[in-house]
PDB file of N, CA and C in Angstrom:
ATOM      1  N   MET A   1     111.558  82.364 166.658  1.00  0.00           N
ATOM      2  CA  MET A   1     112.227  81.123 166.408  1.00  0.00           C
ATOM      3  C   MET A   1     112.401  80.960 164.891  1.00  0.00           C
ATOM      4  N   ILE A   2     113.603  80.588 164.500  1.00  0.00           N
ATOM      5  CA  ILE A   2     113.906  80.330 163.100  1.00  0.00           C
ATOM      6  C   ILE A   2     113.774  78.821 162.870  1.00  0.00           C
ATOM      7  N   ILE A   3     112.993  78.458 161.864  1.00  0.00           N
ATOM      8  CA  ILE A   3     112.743  77.050 161.585  1.00  0.00           C
ATOM      9  C   ILE A   3     113.274  76.710 160.195  1.00  0.00           C
ATOM     10  N   LYS A   4     114.105  75.678 160.137  1.00  0.00           N
ATOM     11  CA  LYS A   4     114.604  75.183 158.853  1.00  0.00           C
ATOM     12  C   LYS A   4     114.088  73.757 158.700  1.00  0.00           C
ATOM     13  N   LEU A   5     113.258  73.544 157.703  1.00  0.00           N
ATOM     14  CA  LEU A   5     112.607  72.264 157.497  1.00  0.00           C
ATOM     15  C   LEU A   5     113.061  71.689 156.162  1.00  0.00           C
ATOM     16  N   ASP A   6     113.738  70.540 156.191  1.00  0.00           N
ATOM     17  CA  ASP A   6     114.233  69.886 154.979  1.00  0.00           C
ATOM     18  C   ASP A   6     113.446  68.614 154.727  1.00  0.00           C
ATOM     19  N   TRP A   7     113.030  68.429 153.484  1.00  0.00           N
ATOM     20  CA  TRP A   7     112.319  67.227 153.065  1.00  0.00           C
ATOM     21  C   TRP A   7     113.248  66.477 152.122  1.00  0.00           C
ATOM     22  N   PHE A   8     113.569  65.237 152.464  1.00  0.00           N
ATOM     23  CA  PHE A   8     114.504  64.451 151.679  1.00  0.00           C
ATOM     24  C   PHE A   8     113.795  63.191 151.176  1.00  0.00           C
ATOM     25  N   ARG A   9     113.696  63.042 149.880  1.00  0.00           N
ATOM     26  CA  ARG A   9     113.028  61.914 149.218  1.00  0.00           C
ATOM     27  C   ARG A   9     111.543  61.809 149.548  1.00  0.00           C
ATOM     28  N   CYS A  10     110.933  62.905 149.918  1.00  0.00           N
ATOM     29  CA  CYS A  10     109.480  62.917 150.124  1.00  0.00           C
ATOM     30  C   CYS A  10     108.974  64.330 149.872  1.00  0.00           C
ATOM     31  N   SER A  11     107.710  64.421 149.546  1.00  0.00           N
ATOM     32  CA  SER A  11     107.136  65.742 149.295  1.00  0.00           C
ATOM     33  C   SER A  11     106.458  66.242 150.566  1.00  0.00           C
ATOM     34  N   PRO A  12     106.595  67.529 150.838  1.00  0.00           N
ATOM     35  CA  PRO A  12     105.979  68.076 152.056  1.00  0.00           C
ATOM     36  C   PRO A  12     104.455  68.051 151.963  1.00  0.00           C
ATOM     37  N   ARG A  13     103.848  67.783 153.100  1.00  0.00           N
ATOM     38  CA  ARG A  13     102.392  67.812 153.210  1.00  0.00           C
ATOM     39  C   ARG A  13     102.018  68.821 154.277  1.00  0.00           C
ATOM     40  N   LYS A  14     100.955  69.535 154.025  1.00  0.00           N
ATOM     41  CA  LYS A  14     100.513  70.589 154.943  1.00  0.00           C
ATOM     42  C   LYS A  14     100.226  70.024 156.340  1.00  0.00           C
ATOM     43  N   LYS A  15      99.618  68.826 156.406  1.00  0.00           N
ATOM     44  CA  LYS A  15      99.305  68.207 157.684  1.00  0.00           C
ATOM     45  C   LYS A  15     100.578  67.928 158.478  1.00  0.00           C
ATOM     46  N   TRP A  16     101.617  67.421 157.806  1.00  0.00           N
ATOM     47  CA  TRP A  16     102.876  67.107 158.478  1.00  0.00           C
ATOM     48  C   TRP A  16     103.554  68.379 158.976  1.00  0.00           C
ATOM     49  N   GLU A  17     103.547  69.412 158.150  1.00  0.00           N
ATOM     50  CA  GLU A  17     104.148  70.685 158.570  1.00  0.00           C
ATOM     51  C   GLU A  17     103.418  71.242 159.790  1.00  0.00           C
ATOM     52  N   THR A  18     102.101  71.141 159.803  1.00  0.00           N
ATOM     53  CA  THR A  18     101.321  71.621 160.939  1.00  0.00           C
ATOM     54  C   THR A  18     101.681  70.851 162.205  1.00  0.00           C
ATOM     55  N   GLN A  19     101.816  69.526 162.098  1.00  0.00           N
ATOM     56  CA  GLN A  19     102.178  68.712 163.253  1.00  0.00           C
ATOM     57  C   GLN A  19     103.568  69.079 163.769  1.00  0.00           C
ATOM     58  N   ILE A  20     104.503  69.321 162.867  1.00  0.00           N
ATOM     59  CA  ILE A  20     105.862  69.699 163.277  1.00  0.00           C
ATOM     60  C   ILE A  20     105.839  71.056 163.977  1.00  0.00           C
ATOM     61  N   HIS A  21     105.097  72.012 163.441  1.00  0.00           N
ATOM     62  CA  HIS A  21     105.012  73.333 164.065  1.00  0.00           C
ATOM     63  C   HIS A  21     104.356  73.256 165.447  1.00  0.00           C
ATOM     64  N   GLN A  22     103.348  72.408 165.603  1.00  0.00           N
ATOM     65  CA  GLN A  22     102.713  72.238 166.911  1.00  0.00           C
ATOM     66  C   GLN A  22     103.701  71.648 167.913  1.00  0.00           C
ATOM     67  N   SER A  23     104.508  70.700 167.470  1.00  0.00           N
ATOM     68  CA  SER A  23     105.526  70.122 168.351  1.00  0.00           C
ATOM     69  C   SER A  23     106.538  71.177 168.777  1.00  0.00           C
ATOM     70  N   LEU A  24     106.959  71.997 167.829  1.00  0.00           N
ATOM     71  CA  LEU A  24     107.930  73.047 168.153  1.00  0.00           C
ATOM     72  C   LEU A  24     107.344  74.064 169.121  1.00  0.00           C
ATOM     73  N   GLU A  25     106.079  74.395 168.972  1.00  0.00           N
ATOM     74  CA  GLU A  25     105.425  75.312 169.913  1.00  0.00           C
ATOM     75  C   GLU A  25     105.387  74.707 171.315  1.00  0.00           C
ATOM     76  N   HIS A  26     105.143  73.412 171.395  1.00  0.00           N
ATOM     77  CA  HIS A  26     105.132  72.730 172.691  1.00  0.00           C
ATOM     78  C   HIS A  26     106.523  72.783 173.334  1.00  0.00           C
ATOM     79  N   PHE A  27     107.576  72.532 172.547  1.00  0.00           N
ATOM     80  CA  PHE A  27     108.943  72.581 173.077  1.00  0.00           C
ATOM     81  C   PHE A  27     109.314  74.001 173.496  1.00  0.00           C
ATOM     82  N   ALA A  28     108.872  74.988 172.721  1.00  0.00           N
ATOM     83  CA  ALA A  28     109.170  76.382 173.050  1.00  0.00           C
ATOM     84  C   ALA A  28     108.476  76.802 174.343  1.00  0.00           C
ATOM     85  N   ALA A  29     107.344  76.183 174.660  1.00  0.00           N
ATOM     86  CA  ALA A  29     106.673  76.472 175.927  1.00  0.00           C
ATOM     87  C   ALA A  29     107.469  75.914 177.109  1.00  0.00           C
ATOM     88  N   LEU A  30     108.181  74.812 176.880  1.00  0.00           N
ATOM     89  CA  LEU A  30     108.994  74.217 177.946  1.00  0.00           C
ATOM     90  C   LEU A  30     110.321  74.948 178.129  1.00  0.00           C
ATOM     91  N   LYS A  31     110.936  75.343 177.028  1.00  0.00           N
ATOM     92  CA  LYS A  31     112.254  75.986 177.058  1.00  0.00           C
ATOM     93  C   LYS A  31     112.358  76.876 175.819  1.00  0.00           C
ATOM     94  N   PRO A  32     112.896  78.086 175.948  1.00  0.00           N
ATOM     95  CA  PRO A  32     112.990  78.973 174.781  1.00  0.00           C
ATOM     96  C   PRO A  32     113.859  78.361 173.686  1.00  0.00           C
ATOM     97  N   VAL A  33     113.337  78.336 172.471  1.00  0.00           N
ATOM     98  CA  VAL A  33     114.042  77.776 171.319  1.00  0.00           C
ATOM     99  C   VAL A  33     114.344  78.920 170.362  1.00  0.00           C
ATOM    100  N   SER A  34     115.637  79.108 170.026  1.00  0.00           N
ATOM    101  CA  SER A  34     115.989  80.186 169.104  1.00  0.00           C
ATOM    102  C   SER A  34     116.058  79.700 167.662  1.00  0.00           C
ATOM    103  N   HIS A  35     116.434  78.449 167.455  1.00  0.00           N
ATOM    104  CA  HIS A  35     116.561  77.910 166.102  1.00  0.00           C
ATOM    105  C   HIS A  35     116.193  76.431 166.126  1.00  0.00           C
ATOM    106  N   ALA A  36     115.488  75.981 165.107  1.00  0.00           N
ATOM    107  CA  ALA A  36     115.110  74.566 165.008  1.00  0.00           C
ATOM    108  C   ALA A  36     115.410  74.084 163.595  1.00  0.00           C
ATOM    109  N   GLY A  37     116.130  72.993 163.502  1.00  0.00           N
ATOM    110  CA  GLY A  37     116.420  72.370 162.220  1.00  0.00           C
ATOM    111  C   GLY A  37     115.804  70.974 162.197  1.00  0.00           C
ATOM    112  N   ILE A  38     114.954  70.729 161.208  1.00  0.00           N
ATOM    113  CA  ILE A  38     114.257  69.451 161.118  1.00  0.00           C
ATOM    114  C   ILE A  38     114.511  68.859 159.739  1.00  0.00           C
ATOM    115  N   ARG A  39     114.798  67.552 159.725  1.00  0.00           N
ATOM    116  CA  ARG A  39     114.973  66.847 158.459  1.00  0.00           C
ATOM    117  C   ARG A  39     114.038  65.643 158.464  1.00  0.00           C
ATOM    118  N   VAL A  40     113.188  65.578 157.443  1.00  0.00           N
ATOM    119  CA  VAL A  40     112.259  64.466 157.279  1.00  0.00           C
ATOM    120  C   VAL A  40     112.718  63.675 156.065  1.00  0.00           C
ATOM    121  N   GLU A  41     112.948  62.386 156.281  1.00  0.00           N
ATOM    122  CA  GLU A  41     113.452  61.535 155.207  1.00  0.00           C
ATOM    123  C   GLU A  41     112.541  60.321 155.058  1.00  0.00           C
ATOM    124  N   GLU A  42     112.213  60.004 153.822  1.00  0.00           N
ATOM    125  CA  GLU A  42     111.398  58.828 153.542  1.00  0.00           C
ATOM    126  C   GLU A  42     112.233  57.851 152.724  1.00  0.00           C
ATOM    127  N   ASN A  43     112.293  56.604 153.193  1.00  0.00           N
ATOM    128  CA  ASN A  43     113.060  55.570 152.519  1.00  0.00           C
ATOM    129  C   ASN A  43     112.157  54.352 152.355  1.00  0.00           C
ATOM    130  N   ILE A  44     111.697  54.117 151.159  1.00  0.00           N
ATOM    131  CA  ILE A  44     110.732  53.051 150.915  1.00  0.00           C
ATOM    132  C   ILE A  44     111.367  51.672 151.078  1.00  0.00           C
ATOM    133  N   GLU A  45     112.654  51.534 150.759  1.00  0.00           N
ATOM    134  CA  GLU A  45     113.318  50.238 150.825  1.00  0.00           C
ATOM    135  C   GLU A  45     113.639  49.803 152.250  1.00  0.00           C
ATOM    136  N   SER A  46     113.708  50.726 153.168  1.00  0.00           N
ATOM    137  CA  SER A  46     114.116  50.426 154.539  1.00  0.00           C
ATOM    138  C   SER A  46     112.959  49.836 155.345  1.00  0.00           C
ATOM    139  N   GLY A  47     113.303  49.172 156.447  1.00  0.00           N
ATOM    140  CA  GLY A  47     112.289  48.628 157.348  1.00  0.00           C
ATOM    141  C   GLY A  47     111.483  49.724 158.004  1.00  0.00           C
ATOM    142  N   HIS A  48     112.139  50.813 158.366  1.00  0.00           N
ATOM    143  CA  HIS A  48     111.461  51.985 158.912  1.00  0.00           C
ATOM    144  C   HIS A  48     111.363  53.007 157.789  1.00  0.00           C
ATOM    145  N   ARG A  49     110.158  53.304 157.396  1.00  0.00           N
ATOM    146  CA  ARG A  49     109.955  54.133 156.216  1.00  0.00           C
ATOM    147  C   ARG A  49     110.332  55.598 156.442  1.00  0.00           C
ATOM    148  N   PHE A  50     110.033  56.130 157.621  1.00  0.00           N
ATOM    149  CA  PHE A  50     110.300  57.550 157.885  1.00  0.00           C
ATOM    150  C   PHE A  50     111.397  57.698 158.931  1.00  0.00           C
ATOM    151  N   HIS A  51     112.260  58.671 158.711  1.00  0.00           N
ATOM    152  CA  HIS A  51     113.325  59.007 159.648  1.00  0.00           C
ATOM    153  C   HIS A  51     113.285  60.525 159.833  1.00  0.00           C
ATOM    154  N   ILE A  52     113.085  60.958 161.065  1.00  0.00           N
ATOM    155  CA  ILE A  52     113.007  62.392 161.365  1.00  0.00           C
ATOM    156  C   ILE A  52     114.109  62.728 162.356  1.00  0.00           C
ATOM    157  N   SER A  53     114.869  63.761 162.050  1.00  0.00           N
ATOM    158  CA  SER A  53     115.890  64.241 162.984  1.00  0.00           C
ATOM    159  C   SER A  53     115.641  65.720 163.254  1.00  0.00           C
ATOM    160  N   MET A  54     115.933  66.131 164.484  1.00  0.00           N
ATOM    161  CA  MET A  54     115.668  67.509 164.901  1.00  0.00           C
ATOM    162  C   MET A  54     116.821  68.020 165.747  1.00  0.00           C
ATOM    163  N   LEU A  55     117.201  69.254 165.510  1.00  0.00           N
ATOM    164  CA  LEU A  55     118.215  69.936 166.298  1.00  0.00           C
ATOM    165  C   LEU A  55     117.603  71.234 166.807  1.00  0.00           C
ATOM    166  N   LEU A  56     117.562  71.384 168.136  1.00  0.00           N
ATOM    167  CA  LEU A  56     116.997  72.577 168.754  1.00  0.00           C
ATOM    168  C   LEU A  56     118.104  73.378 169.414  1.00  0.00           C
ATOM    169  N   SER A  57     118.186  74.657 169.103  1.00  0.00           N
ATOM    170  CA  SER A  57     119.118  75.563 169.771  1.00  0.00           C
ATOM    171  C   SER A  57     118.381  76.184 170.950  1.00  0.00           C
ATOM    172  N   ILE A  58     118.778  75.763 172.149  1.00  0.00           N
ATOM    173  CA  ILE A  58     118.142  76.214 173.377  1.00  0.00           C
ATOM    174  C   ILE A  58     119.228  76.714 174.321  1.00  0.00           C
ATOM    175  N   PRO A  59     118.870  77.439 175.383  1.00  0.00           N
ATOM    176  CA  PRO A  59     119.881  77.835 176.354  1.00  0.00           C
ATOM    177  C   PRO A  59     120.570  76.598 176.931  1.00  0.00           C
ATOM    178  N   GLY A  60     121.868  76.665 177.012  1.00  0.00           N
ATOM    179  CA  GLY A  60     122.631  75.493 177.426  1.00  0.00           C
ATOM    180  C   GLY A  60     123.034  74.716 176.181  1.00  0.00           C
ATOM    181  N   PRO A  61     123.384  73.469 176.348  1.00  0.00           N
ATOM    182  CA  PRO A  61     123.756  72.685 175.160  1.00  0.00           C
ATOM    183  C   PRO A  61     122.559  72.472 174.229  1.00  0.00           C
ATOM    184  N   ASP A  62     122.837  72.489 172.929  1.00  0.00           N
ATOM    185  CA  ASP A  62     121.780  72.228 171.960  1.00  0.00           C
ATOM    186  C   ASP A  62     121.250  70.808 172.150  1.00  0.00           C
ATOM    187  N   LEU A  63     120.054  70.593 171.691  1.00  0.00           N
ATOM    188  CA  LEU A  63     119.399  69.303 171.863  1.00  0.00           C
ATOM    189  C   LEU A  63     119.168  68.683 170.490  1.00  0.00           C
ATOM    190  N   ALA A  64     119.705  67.483 170.283  1.00  0.00           N
ATOM    191  CA  ALA A  64     119.521  66.761 169.029  1.00  0.00           C
ATOM    192  C   ALA A  64     118.809  65.449 169.320  1.00  0.00           C
ATOM    193  N   ALA A  65     117.881  65.086 168.437  1.00  0.00           N
ATOM    194  CA  ALA A  65     117.158  63.825 168.591  1.00  0.00           C
ATOM    195  C   ALA A  65     116.761  63.325 167.213  1.00  0.00           C
ATOM    196  N   GLN A  66     116.564  62.021 167.137  1.00  0.00           N
ATOM    197  CA  GLN A  66     116.095  61.432 165.897  1.00  0.00           C
ATOM    198  C   GLN A  66     115.225  60.237 166.206  1.00  0.00           C
ATOM    199  N   ALA A  67     114.337  59.911 165.265  1.00  0.00           N
ATOM    200  CA  ALA A  67     113.420  58.793 165.457  1.00  0.00           C
ATOM    201  C   ALA A  67     113.052  58.196 164.108  1.00  0.00           C
ATOM    202  N   LYS A  68     112.739  56.909 164.143  1.00  0.00           N
ATOM    203  CA  LYS A  68     112.321  56.191 162.944  1.00  0.00           C
ATOM    204  C   LYS A  68     110.961  55.564 163.193  1.00  0.00           C
ATOM    205  N   GLY A  69     110.191  55.402 162.121  1.00  0.00           N
ATOM    206  CA  GLY A  69     108.891  54.774 162.253  1.00  0.00           C
ATOM    207  C   GLY A  69     108.341  54.327 160.919  1.00  0.00           C
ATOM    208  N   GLN A  70     107.367  53.442 160.963  1.00  0.00           N
ATOM    209  CA  GLN A  70     106.715  52.968 159.742  1.00  0.00           C
ATOM    210  C   GLN A  70     105.876  54.070 159.100  1.00  0.00           C
ATOM    211  N   THR A  71     105.294  54.933 159.943  1.00  0.00           N
ATOM    212  CA  THR A  71     104.504  56.055 159.436  1.00  0.00           C
ATOM    213  C   THR A  71     105.108  57.354 159.954  1.00  0.00           C
ATOM    214  N   PHE A  72     104.707  58.443 159.332  1.00  0.00           N
ATOM    215  CA  PHE A  72     105.194  59.747 159.772  1.00  0.00           C
ATOM    216  C   PHE A  72     104.755  60.032 161.196  1.00  0.00           C
ATOM    217  N   ASP A  73     103.491  59.716 161.514  1.00  0.00           N
ATOM    218  CA  ASP A  73     102.962  59.982 162.851  1.00  0.00           C
ATOM    219  C   ASP A  73     103.724  59.200 163.920  1.00  0.00           C
ATOM    220  N   GLU A  74     104.068  57.951 163.622  1.00  0.00           N
ATOM    221  CA  GLU A  74     104.821  57.138 164.578  1.00  0.00           C
ATOM    222  C   GLU A  74     106.211  57.725 164.828  1.00  0.00           C
ATOM    223  N   ALA A  75     106.889  58.106 163.749  1.00  0.00           N
ATOM    224  CA  ALA A  75     108.226  58.687 163.889  1.00  0.00           C
ATOM    225  C   ALA A  75     108.175  60.007 164.653  1.00  0.00           C
ATOM    226  N   LEU A  76     107.186  60.837 164.361  1.00  0.00           N
ATOM    227  CA  LEU A  76     107.082  62.124 165.042  1.00  0.00           C
ATOM    228  C   LEU A  76     106.738  61.947 166.517  1.00  0.00           C
ATOM    229  N   SER A  77     105.872  61.000 166.845  1.00  0.00           N
ATOM    230  CA  SER A  77     105.537  60.793 168.256  1.00  0.00           C
ATOM    231  C   SER A  77     106.742  60.257 169.035  1.00  0.00           C
ATOM    232  N   LYS A  78     107.547  59.386 168.422  1.00  0.00           N
ATOM    233  CA  LYS A  78     108.771  58.910 169.076  1.00  0.00           C
ATOM    234  C   LYS A  78     109.755  60.060 169.285  1.00  0.00           C
ATOM    235  N   LEU A  79     109.867  60.933 168.280  1.00  0.00           N
ATOM    236  CA  LEU A  79     110.757  62.087 168.388  1.00  0.00           C
ATOM    237  C   LEU A  79     110.290  63.031 169.495  1.00  0.00           C
ATOM    238  N   ASN A  80     108.989  63.310 169.547  1.00  0.00           N
ATOM    239  CA  ASN A  80     108.442  64.186 170.589  1.00  0.00           C
ATOM    240  C   ASN A  80     108.689  63.608 171.973  1.00  0.00           C
ATOM    241  N   ALA A  81     108.490  62.307 172.130  1.00  0.00           N
ATOM    242  CA  ALA A  81     108.718  61.669 173.426  1.00  0.00           C
ATOM    243  C   ALA A  81     110.187  61.763 173.829  1.00  0.00           C
ATOM    244  N   SER A  82     111.079  61.564 172.885  1.00  0.00           N
ATOM    245  CA  SER A  82     112.510  61.634 173.174  1.00  0.00           C
ATOM    246  C   SER A  82     112.933  63.041 173.603  1.00  0.00           C
ATOM    247  N   ILE A  83     112.446  64.054 172.903  1.00  0.00           N
ATOM    248  CA  ILE A  83     112.814  65.435 173.241  1.00  0.00           C
ATOM    249  C   ILE A  83     112.199  65.843 174.575  1.00  0.00           C
ATOM    250  N   CYS A  84     110.942  65.490 174.810  1.00  0.00           N
ATOM    251  CA  CYS A  84     110.316  65.818 176.102  1.00  0.00           C
ATOM    252  C   CYS A  84     111.063  65.146 177.245  1.00  0.00           C
ATOM    253  N   ARG A  85     111.468  63.894 177.050  1.00  0.00           N
ATOM    254  CA  ARG A  85     112.232  63.177 178.073  1.00  0.00           C
ATOM    255  C   ARG A  85     113.562  63.891 178.352  1.00  0.00           C
ATOM    256  N   SER A  86     114.239  64.328 177.298  1.00  0.00           N
ATOM    257  CA  SER A  86     115.509  65.032 177.471  1.00  0.00           C
ATOM    258  C   SER A  86     115.324  66.366 178.191  1.00  0.00           C
ATOM    259  N   LEU A  87     114.292  67.109 177.813  1.00  0.00           N
ATOM    260  CA  LEU A  87     114.047  68.407 178.452  1.00  0.00           C
ATOM    261  C   LEU A  87     113.693  68.254 179.928  1.00  0.00           C
ATOM    262  N   THR A  88     112.865  67.275 180.268  1.00  0.00           N
ATOM    263  CA  THR A  88     112.518  67.079 181.677  1.00  0.00           C
ATOM    264  C   THR A  88     113.720  66.573 182.476  1.00  0.00           C
ATOM    265  N   GLN A  89     114.556  65.743 181.863  1.00  0.00           N
ATOM    266  CA  GLN A  89     115.764  65.269 182.548  1.00  0.00           C
ATOM    267  C   GLN A  89     116.722  66.424 182.803  1.00  0.00           C
ATOM    268  N   ARG A  90     116.868  67.313 181.827  1.00  0.00           N
ATOM    269  CA  ARG A  90     117.740  68.484 182.021  1.00  0.00           C
ATOM    270  C   ARG A  90     117.196  69.384 183.127  1.00  0.00           C
ATOM    271  N   ALA A  91     115.880  69.579 183.155  1.00  0.00           N
ATOM    272  CA  ALA A  91     115.276  70.420 184.198  1.00  0.00           C
ATOM    273  C   ALA A  91     115.478  69.785 185.567  1.00  0.00           C
ATOM    274  N   LYS A  92     115.343  68.470 185.645  1.00  0.00           N
ATOM    275  CA  LYS A  92     115.540  67.765 186.909  1.00  0.00           C
ATOM    276  C   LYS A  92     116.994  67.879 187.377  1.00  0.00           C
ATOM    277  N   ASN A  93     117.925  67.710 186.455  1.00  0.00           N
ATOM    278  CA  ASN A  93     119.344  67.844 186.805  1.00  0.00           C
ATOM    279  C   ASN A  93     119.679  69.269 187.227  1.00  0.00           C
ATOM    280  N   ASN A  94     119.074  70.246 186.580  1.00  0.00           N
ATOM    281  CA  ASN A  94     119.316  71.644 186.927  1.00  0.00           C
ATOM    282  C   ASN A  94     118.796  71.953 188.331  1.00  0.00           C
ATOM    283  N   ARG A  95     117.599  71.444 188.659  1.00  0.00           N
ATOM    284  CA  ARG A  95     117.059  71.644 190.010  1.00  0.00           C
ATOM    285  C   ARG A  95     117.932  70.955 191.048  1.00  0.00           C
ATOM    286  N   ARG A  96     118.412  69.751 190.738  1.00  0.00           N
ATOM    287  CA  ARG A  96     119.235  69.015 191.685  1.00  0.00           C
ATOM    288  C   ARG A  96     120.549  69.759 191.950  1.00  0.00           C
ATOM    289  N   ASN A  97     121.108  70.393 190.925  1.00  0.00           N
ATOM    290  CA  ASN A  97     122.376  71.104 191.075  1.00  0.00           C
ATOM    291  C   ASN A  97     122.217  72.436 191.794  1.00  0.00           C
ATOM    292  N   THR A  98     121.016  72.984 191.842  1.00  0.00           N
ATOM    293  CA  THR A  98     120.816  74.295 192.471  1.00  0.00           C
ATOM    294  C   THR A  98     119.993  74.216 193.743  1.00  0.00           C
ATOM    295  N   ASP A  99     119.745  73.032 194.265  1.00  0.00           N
ATOM    296  CA  ASP A  99     118.904  72.883 195.456  1.00  0.00           C
ATOM    297  C   ASP A  99     119.657  73.024 196.778  1.00  0.00           C
ATOM    298  N   ALA A 100     120.928  73.403 196.741  1.00  0.00           N
ATOM    299  CA  ALA A 100     121.691  73.535 197.981  1.00  0.00           C
ATOM    300  C   ALA A 100     121.145  74.706 198.801  1.00  0.00           C
ATOM    301  N   PRO A 101     121.144  74.586 200.142  1.00  0.00           N
ATOM    302  CA  PRO A 101     120.693  75.686 200.982  1.00  0.00           C
ATOM    303  C   PRO A 101     121.598  76.906 200.815  1.00  0.00           C
ATOM    304  N   LYS A 102     121.065  78.074 201.099  1.00  0.00           N
ATOM    305  CA  LYS A 102     121.832  79.316 200.983  1.00  0.00           C
ATOM    306  C   LYS A 102     123.040  79.280 201.913  1.00  0.00           C
ATOM    307  N   GLY A 103     124.165  79.755 201.414  1.00  0.00           N
ATOM    308  CA  GLY A 103     125.370  79.845 202.228  1.00  0.00           C
ATOM    309  C   GLY A 103     126.205  78.573 202.223  1.00  0.00           C
ATOM    310  N   VAL A 104     125.772  77.529 201.596  1.00  0.00           N
ATOM    311  CA  VAL A 104     126.524  76.289 201.553  1.00  0.00           C
ATOM    312  C   VAL A 104     127.319  76.254 200.247  1.00  0.00           C
ATOM    313  N   LYS A 105     128.614  76.027 200.382  1.00  0.00           N
ATOM    314  CA  LYS A 105     129.451  75.971 199.205  1.00  0.00           C
ATOM    315  C   LYS A 105     129.302  74.610 198.521  1.00  0.00           C
ATOM    316  N   PRO A 106     129.387  74.595 197.203  1.00  0.00           N
ATOM    317  CA  PRO A 106     129.372  73.316 196.506  1.00  0.00           C
ATOM    318  C   PRO A 106     130.571  72.461 196.926  1.00  0.00           C
ATOM    319  N   GLN A 107     130.445  71.185 196.886  1.00  0.00           N
ATOM    320  CA  GLN A 107     131.476  70.273 197.367  1.00  0.00           C
ATOM    321  C   GLN A 107     132.799  70.429 196.641  1.00  0.00           C
ATOM    322  N   PHE A 108     132.750  70.743 195.348  1.00  0.00           N
ATOM    323  CA  PHE A 108     133.993  70.797 194.606  1.00  0.00           C
ATOM    324  C   PHE A 108     134.860  72.011 194.969  1.00  0.00           C
ATOM    325  N   ARG A 109     134.313  73.003 195.678  1.00  0.00           N
ATOM    326  CA  ARG A 109     135.110  74.169 196.066  1.00  0.00           C
ATOM    327  C   ARG A 109     135.884  73.932 197.348  1.00  0.00           C
ATOM    328  N   GLY A 110     135.471  72.975 198.126  1.00  0.00           N
ATOM    329  CA  GLY A 110     136.216  72.619 199.334  1.00  0.00           C
ATOM    330  C   GLY A 110     136.006  73.517 200.432  1.00  0.00           C
TER     331      GLY A 110
END
């Protein structure tokens, strides 16, 4: 997996990088990830201090998510929840689309 990590208006911390890598490992266990782009932005003037956005290149359509929070941990946990929700929803939709009994044509083929 290729990881591109951008820090905007904040300095990288080893603890934050470790947390991001652990999250990516968790996502890779759910679905193979070939490329991950993460942007961490800190804005002191804003109501939400941290803004994290992530783009994952996975089989099928790429997955993009973003989250805001007062702390880095809050923003990252919101981002993780959003991506996990999207991955489980995609898996559920995929199972629903392939659950037809053998020999039955999909409805759109007539």
